Protein backbone atom coordinates (compact mmCIF):
# COMPACT_ATOMS: atom_id res chain seq x y z
CA MET A 1 -4.11 -19.09 -40.43
CA ALA A 2 -4.62 -22.27 -38.41
CA GLU A 3 -1.14 -21.86 -36.92
CA ALA A 4 -1.93 -18.29 -35.83
CA ALA A 5 -5.24 -19.38 -34.29
CA SER A 6 -3.45 -22.15 -32.42
CA HIS A 7 -1.00 -19.60 -30.97
CA LEU A 8 -3.83 -17.36 -29.82
CA ASN A 9 -5.59 -20.24 -28.11
CA ILE A 10 -2.41 -21.28 -26.30
CA LEU A 11 -1.77 -17.73 -25.09
CA LYS A 12 -5.40 -17.22 -24.06
CA ASP A 13 -5.30 -20.47 -22.09
CA LEU A 14 -2.12 -19.24 -20.41
CA GLU A 15 -3.83 -15.96 -19.54
CA THR A 16 -6.77 -17.85 -18.05
CA ASN A 17 -4.49 -20.09 -15.97
CA LEU A 18 -2.55 -17.08 -14.66
CA ARG A 19 -5.77 -15.34 -13.66
CA LEU A 20 -6.79 -18.44 -11.73
CA VAL A 21 -3.48 -18.35 -9.86
CA VAL A 22 -4.00 -14.68 -9.02
CA ASP A 23 -7.54 -15.36 -7.79
CA GLN A 24 -6.26 -18.23 -5.65
CA ILE A 25 -3.71 -15.97 -3.96
CA LYS A 26 -6.29 -13.22 -3.42
CA ASP A 27 -8.90 -15.56 -1.98
CA GLY A 28 -6.77 -17.15 0.68
CA GLU A 29 -3.40 -18.30 1.81
CA SER A 30 -2.10 -21.69 2.81
CA GLU A 31 1.09 -22.08 4.78
CA SER A 32 3.38 -25.04 4.42
CA GLN A 33 4.88 -26.13 7.71
CA ARG A 34 8.65 -25.84 7.79
CA SER A 35 10.80 -27.16 10.57
CA THR A 36 13.56 -24.69 9.79
CA PHE A 37 13.60 -21.36 8.02
CA SER A 38 16.66 -19.54 6.72
CA SER A 39 15.75 -15.93 6.02
CA GLU A 40 18.84 -15.25 3.93
CA ALA A 41 18.39 -18.35 1.77
CA TYR A 42 14.68 -17.68 1.35
CA TRP A 43 15.03 -14.10 0.12
CA ASN A 44 17.97 -14.97 -2.12
CA TYR A 45 15.88 -17.70 -3.74
CA LEU A 46 12.90 -15.39 -4.11
CA GLY A 47 15.11 -12.80 -5.79
CA VAL A 48 16.18 -15.40 -8.33
CA LEU A 49 12.53 -16.23 -9.04
CA PHE A 50 11.63 -12.60 -9.68
CA LYS A 51 14.58 -12.27 -12.08
CA THR A 52 13.56 -15.51 -13.80
CA LEU A 53 10.06 -14.20 -14.40
CA SER A 54 11.53 -11.03 -15.84
CA LEU A 55 13.61 -13.13 -18.25
CA GLU A 56 10.59 -15.25 -19.18
CA ALA A 57 8.67 -12.09 -20.02
CA THR A 58 11.57 -10.89 -22.14
CA LYS A 59 11.60 -14.17 -24.08
CA PHE A 60 7.93 -13.79 -24.95
CA SER A 61 8.32 -10.15 -25.90
CA VAL A 62 11.32 -10.78 -28.15
CA ALA A 63 9.79 -13.91 -29.72
CA TYR A 64 6.68 -12.00 -30.80
CA CYS A 65 8.27 -8.69 -31.76
CA GLU A 66 8.50 -9.62 -35.44
CA SER A 67 8.02 -12.54 -37.78
CA PRO A 68 8.82 -15.32 -38.09
CA PHE A 69 6.95 -16.00 -34.86
CA PRO A 70 7.61 -19.13 -32.78
CA THR A 71 6.22 -22.43 -34.00
CA ARG A 72 3.39 -24.03 -32.07
CA GLU A 73 5.85 -26.38 -30.39
CA GLN A 74 8.10 -23.48 -29.39
CA CYS A 75 5.11 -21.55 -28.04
CA VAL A 76 4.03 -24.54 -25.94
CA ALA A 77 7.56 -24.87 -24.56
CA MET A 78 7.72 -21.17 -23.67
CA VAL A 79 4.35 -21.36 -21.94
CA ALA A 80 5.44 -24.41 -19.95
CA SER A 81 8.62 -22.64 -18.87
CA LEU A 82 6.71 -19.53 -17.76
CA GLU A 83 4.12 -21.57 -15.87
CA LYS A 84 6.88 -23.47 -14.10
CA SER A 85 8.46 -20.19 -12.95
CA VAL A 86 5.09 -18.82 -11.83
CA LEU A 87 4.31 -21.94 -9.80
CA ALA A 88 7.76 -21.77 -8.21
CA LEU A 89 7.12 -18.17 -7.16
CA VAL A 90 3.67 -18.96 -5.76
CA SER A 91 5.05 -21.96 -3.88
CA ALA A 92 7.84 -19.81 -2.44
CA PHE A 93 5.33 -17.19 -1.33
CA TYR A 94 3.22 -19.77 0.48
CA SER A 95 6.32 -21.16 2.17
CA LEU A 96 7.03 -17.91 4.03
CA PRO A 97 5.96 -18.77 7.61
CA LYS A 98 3.41 -16.48 9.20
CA SER A 99 5.72 -16.47 12.19
CA GLN A 100 7.89 -14.11 10.13
CA GLY A 101 5.11 -11.53 10.32
CA VAL A 102 1.62 -11.03 8.96
CA ASN A 103 2.54 -7.62 7.59
CA LEU A 104 5.63 -9.02 5.88
CA ARG A 105 3.53 -11.71 4.19
CA LYS A 106 0.96 -9.12 3.17
CA GLN A 107 3.56 -6.95 1.50
CA LEU A 108 5.16 -9.92 -0.24
CA LYS A 109 1.70 -11.01 -1.38
CA SER A 110 1.17 -7.58 -2.90
CA ALA A 111 4.49 -7.80 -4.77
CA VAL A 112 3.74 -11.31 -6.06
CA LEU A 113 0.30 -10.27 -7.26
CA GLU A 114 1.73 -7.19 -8.95
CA VAL A 115 4.32 -9.12 -10.96
CA LEU A 116 1.76 -11.78 -11.92
CA GLN A 117 -0.80 -9.19 -13.01
CA ASN A 118 1.80 -7.47 -15.16
CA ILE A 119 2.72 -10.80 -16.75
CA ILE A 120 -0.97 -11.32 -17.46
CA GLY A 121 -0.97 -7.90 -19.10
CA LEU A 122 1.90 -8.95 -21.35
CA VAL A 123 0.29 -12.27 -22.28
CA SER A 124 -3.03 -10.51 -22.91
CA SER A 125 -1.32 -8.03 -25.25
CA LEU A 126 0.13 -10.94 -27.24
CA ALA A 127 -3.10 -12.94 -27.31
CA GLN A 128 -4.69 -10.52 -29.78
CA VAL A 129 -5.47 -11.12 -33.42
CA ASN A 130 -3.50 -7.97 -34.26
CA PRO A 131 -1.25 -7.23 -31.27
CA VAL A 132 -0.01 -3.66 -30.91
CA ALA A 133 3.78 -3.41 -30.60
CA SER A 134 3.62 -0.45 -28.21
CA ASN A 135 1.40 -2.44 -25.81
CA ARG A 136 3.86 -5.32 -25.84
CA ARG A 137 6.79 -3.04 -25.09
CA GLN A 138 4.90 -1.22 -22.35
CA THR A 139 3.74 -4.37 -20.57
CA THR A 140 7.18 -5.93 -20.85
CA GLY A 141 8.70 -2.84 -19.27
CA GLN A 142 6.16 -3.03 -16.46
CA VAL A 143 7.20 -6.62 -15.69
CA TRP A 144 10.85 -5.54 -15.63
CA GLU A 145 10.08 -2.64 -13.30
CA VAL A 146 8.14 -4.77 -10.82
CA ALA A 147 10.81 -7.47 -10.86
CA ASP A 148 13.52 -4.88 -10.24
CA ASN A 149 11.52 -3.52 -7.29
CA PHE A 150 12.16 -6.80 -5.47
CA ALA A 151 15.44 -5.38 -4.17
CA SER A 152 13.54 -2.74 -2.18
CA LEU A 153 10.99 -5.14 -0.70
CA PRO A 154 11.11 -5.53 3.10
CA LYS A 155 12.88 -8.74 4.10
CA ASN A 156 11.75 -8.85 7.74
CA ASN A 157 8.86 -7.53 9.80
CA CYS A 158 10.83 -4.52 11.08
CA GLU A 159 11.38 -3.37 7.51
CA ALA A 160 7.75 -4.15 6.68
CA CYS A 161 6.52 -2.03 9.59
CA LEU A 162 8.82 0.84 8.62
CA LEU A 163 7.41 0.75 5.11
CA THR A 164 3.86 0.82 6.43
CA LEU A 165 4.71 3.81 8.62
CA LYS A 166 6.33 5.61 5.70
CA GLN A 167 3.29 5.04 3.52
CA ALA A 168 1.07 6.39 6.29
CA ALA A 169 3.36 9.40 6.76
CA ASP A 170 3.22 10.19 3.03
CA LEU A 171 -0.58 10.14 3.13
CA VAL A 172 -0.63 12.41 6.18
CA LYS A 173 1.72 14.83 4.44
CA ASP A 174 -0.65 14.94 1.47
CA ALA A 175 -3.50 15.62 3.89
CA LEU A 176 -1.68 18.55 5.48
CA ASP A 177 -0.93 19.96 2.02
CA GLU A 178 -4.65 19.69 1.30
CA VAL A 179 -5.48 21.60 4.49
CA GLU A 180 -3.05 24.34 3.51
CA GLU A 181 -4.70 24.62 0.11
CA MET A 182 -8.11 24.82 1.75
CA VAL A 183 -6.91 27.60 4.07
CA ASN A 184 -5.49 29.56 1.13
CA ASN A 185 -8.70 29.15 -0.86
CA ASP A 186 -11.30 29.69 1.88
CA GLY A 187 -12.28 26.05 2.17
CA GLN A 188 -11.92 25.19 -1.52
CA CYS A 189 -9.68 22.46 -2.94
CA GLU A 190 -8.93 22.57 -6.67
CA ASP A 191 -8.71 18.79 -7.08
CA LEU A 192 -12.09 18.25 -5.43
CA ASP A 193 -13.63 21.13 -7.37
CA GLU A 194 -12.49 19.59 -10.65
CA ILE A 195 -14.02 16.22 -9.70
CA LEU A 196 -17.33 17.83 -8.73
CA ALA A 197 -17.39 19.88 -11.93
CA GLU A 198 -16.77 16.77 -14.05
CA GLU A 199 -19.69 15.07 -12.28
CA GLY A 200 -21.94 18.03 -13.04
CA ASN A 201 -22.08 19.24 -9.42
CA PRO A 202 -19.95 22.38 -9.29
CA ARG A 203 -19.64 24.13 -5.93
CA SER A 204 -21.78 27.18 -5.31
CA ASN A 205 -20.58 30.42 -3.78
CA ILE A 206 -22.14 29.48 -0.45
CA ASP A 207 -19.74 26.55 -0.14
CA THR A 208 -17.20 28.58 1.80
CA TRP A 209 -16.19 28.76 5.44
CA SER A 210 -17.86 31.04 7.92
CA GLU A 211 -15.66 32.77 10.48
CA GLU A 212 -16.66 30.11 13.03
CA ASP A 213 -15.73 27.36 10.59
CA LYS A 214 -12.27 28.82 10.05
CA GLU A 215 -11.57 28.63 13.77
CA LEU A 216 -11.93 24.85 13.64
CA VAL A 217 -9.20 24.41 11.04
CA GLY A 218 -6.30 25.27 13.36
CA PRO A 219 -6.86 22.66 16.08
CA SER A 220 -8.05 20.10 13.53
CA SER A 221 -4.84 20.43 11.56
CA GLY A 222 -3.06 20.35 14.92
CA LEU A 223 -4.39 16.83 15.45
CA VAL A 224 -3.08 15.85 12.02
CA LYS A 225 0.32 17.37 12.79
CA THR A 226 0.38 15.34 16.00
CA ILE A 227 -0.01 12.20 13.88
CA ARG A 228 2.79 13.36 11.60
CA SER A 229 5.10 13.69 14.58
CA LEU A 230 3.86 10.39 16.02
CA LEU A 231 4.71 8.53 12.83
CA LYS A 232 8.15 10.14 12.68
CA LYS A 233 9.01 9.27 16.28
CA THR A 234 7.62 5.75 15.88
CA ARG A 235 9.87 5.10 12.89
CA GLU A 236 12.82 6.34 14.91
CA ALA A 237 11.86 3.98 17.74
CA ILE A 238 11.81 1.00 15.38
CA GLN A 239 15.12 1.99 13.84
CA GLY A 240 16.60 2.21 17.31
CA HIS A 241 14.99 -0.73 19.09
CA GLY A 242 13.18 -2.83 16.49
CA LYS A 243 13.91 -6.56 16.46
CA CYS A 244 12.33 -9.67 14.92
CA GLU A 245 14.00 -12.28 17.10
CA THR A 246 10.96 -13.54 19.03
CA ASP A 247 7.33 -14.25 18.20
CA GLU A 248 6.29 -11.49 20.60
CA GLN A 249 8.47 -8.91 18.86
CA VAL A 250 7.12 -9.91 15.45
CA ALA A 251 3.53 -9.81 16.75
CA GLN A 252 3.98 -6.34 18.24
CA LEU A 253 5.26 -5.03 14.91
CA ASP A 254 2.17 -6.49 13.23
CA ASP A 255 -0.07 -4.80 15.80
CA LEU A 256 1.73 -1.50 15.30
CA SER A 257 1.34 -1.77 11.53
CA GLU A 258 -2.41 -2.25 11.98
CA LEU A 259 -2.60 0.84 14.16
CA ALA A 260 -0.61 2.86 11.62
CA GLU A 261 -2.95 1.81 8.83
CA ARG A 262 -5.89 3.24 10.79
CA LEU A 263 -4.33 6.68 11.12
CA SER A 264 -4.63 7.84 7.52
CA PRO A 265 -8.34 6.94 7.11
CA ALA A 266 -9.07 8.73 10.39
CA VAL A 267 -7.23 11.79 9.07
CA ASP A 268 -9.17 11.67 5.79
CA ASN A 269 -12.48 11.46 7.66
CA LEU A 270 -11.67 14.55 9.70
CA LEU A 271 -10.51 16.55 6.68
CA SER A 272 -13.58 15.53 4.67
CA SER A 273 -15.77 16.90 7.47
CA LEU A 274 -14.04 20.28 7.15
CA TYR A 275 -15.17 20.89 3.57
CA PRO A 276 -17.87 23.56 3.46
CA PRO A 277 -20.68 23.56 4.24
CA ILE A 278 -19.47 22.15 7.56
CA ASP A 279 -21.59 19.87 9.71
CA ARG A 280 -20.21 20.70 13.15
CA VAL A 281 -21.47 17.50 14.79
CA THR A 282 -19.60 15.46 12.19
CA VAL A 283 -16.43 17.48 12.77
CA GLY A 284 -16.67 16.76 16.49
CA ASN A 285 -17.20 13.03 15.91
CA MET A 286 -14.32 12.76 13.45
CA ALA A 287 -11.97 14.74 15.70
CA THR A 288 -12.84 12.48 18.63
CA ALA A 289 -12.29 9.36 16.54
CA LEU A 290 -8.92 10.64 15.35
CA SER A 291 -7.94 11.52 18.91
CA GLU A 292 -8.82 8.02 20.10
CA THR A 293 -6.67 6.51 17.34
CA ILE A 294 -3.73 8.63 18.48
CA GLU A 295 -4.29 7.62 22.12
CA ASN A 296 -4.47 3.94 21.23
CA THR A 297 -1.21 4.15 19.33
CA LEU A 298 0.55 6.02 22.14
CA THR A 299 -0.69 3.53 24.72
CA PHE A 300 0.49 0.64 22.59
CA LEU A 301 3.94 2.19 22.17
CA ARG A 302 4.30 2.81 25.92
CA ASN A 303 3.64 -0.87 26.62
CA SER A 304 5.71 -2.27 23.75
CA TYR A 305 9.35 -3.32 23.60
CA LEU A 306 9.95 -0.51 21.09
CA THR A 307 10.14 2.27 23.68
CA CYS A 308 12.10 2.75 26.89
CA GLU A 309 12.09 5.24 29.76
CA GLN A 310 13.91 7.84 27.69
CA ASP A 311 11.03 7.85 25.21
CA SER A 312 8.52 9.00 27.82
CA GLN A 313 9.28 12.64 27.06
CA TRP A 314 8.10 12.58 23.46
CA LEU A 315 5.24 10.21 24.27
CA ASP A 316 4.00 12.62 26.96
CA PHE A 317 4.43 15.60 24.66
CA LEU A 318 2.37 14.03 21.87
CA GLU A 319 -0.33 12.97 24.32
CA LYS A 320 -0.60 16.54 25.60
CA ALA A 321 -0.69 17.88 22.03
CA GLU A 322 -3.50 15.48 21.14
CA LYS A 323 -5.56 16.40 24.22
CA HIS A 324 -4.93 20.13 23.74
CA ASN A 325 -6.14 20.14 20.13
CA LEU A 326 -9.18 17.97 20.83
CA THR A 327 -10.16 20.16 23.79
CA LYS A 328 -9.87 23.22 21.57
CA VAL A 329 -12.06 21.65 18.86
CA LYS A 330 -14.73 20.74 21.41
CA ALA A 331 -14.62 24.21 22.98
CA LEU A 332 -15.15 25.87 19.60
CA LEU A 333 -18.01 23.52 18.77
CA SER A 334 -19.70 24.18 22.10
CA LYS A 335 -19.87 27.92 21.31
CA SER A 336 -22.21 27.36 18.38
C-alpha cells in the first residue's frame, strides 16, 4: 500500500511540474541569442525530440499496463528521463530565433503545448488510485498522434503562412456552406437552432427573413466569396514568389498572416448579423468592416514582394468585386 501511494505521489508531482512548464510557455517566451542558425539541423533535432517524447510515453504506458508495476526506483528513473526529454524540447523551442518568423514560432509553440498537454493527460490517467486502462491507451495514442504530426509542421515562415491561409480558407468555406443552408431554410441554420433549443431559447416563427432581408444575402455572400478567392490567389502568390531569405521577407509573411487571421472573424461577424431578425444597421457595419479588411489585404499584397506586375489583373478584379458587393449592400440598406 505504501509503495502504491509513493508511486501516485511521484506521478502527481510529475503532473504538477509539467503543468508548470506549460504555464511558463503560455505566459511568455524567452529567446536565446544564437550567432548561427542551421534550419536543417534545428528541425532534424526537433523531430528527434518529438519521437523521444513519444517513446517516453510508450514506456510509461507499457510499464503500467499490468502488474507487476515498476518499483519506486524504476518510477523515479522513468520520471527523470521524461523530464529530461521535456526540458530538451522546451529549450529547443526557445532557441528558435524570432528572426525565423513570429508566425512560425507561434505554430511551433502550439505544437509543443499540444504534445506536453497530451503527456500530462497520460500522466494524469496513471496518477489515479484505480487507473482505467482505456484512458491510458487513449492518452498514449494521443501522444503518438501529436508526435507523428511533427512531420507536417511548417519548417519556415513561408510554410507557416501557407498553413495560416489554408486554415482561414477552411473557415471561410464553412461560412459559405452556412450561408447556403440559411438560404435553403429561409434564414434558419440547424446547428444554431439545436444550440438555442438546448439552451431553452428555441426560435419562433417570426425569426425568418423578410423579402428585403433576402436581398441582402446575395451581395453579403459575394463579399465572402471575394475573400475565398483572395485567399486562394494569395496562397498561389506565396507558392510562386514566397521566400524567407531576408528579415524583410520574413516580416512581410508575418504581416500577411496577421491579416489573414482577421478575415475569418470579420466573415463570422457579417454572417451573424444576417440571422433573423436582422438589424440592418449592424449588417451595414459588418459589411463595411469586412470590406475594409479585404482592402487592407489587397493593398498590402500590392506593396509586398509577393506580387508582381502580372498579378495586377487579379488584384484589380478582387478590388472591383469587393467594391461592387459593398455598394450593393449599402444601396439595399438605403431603401429601407
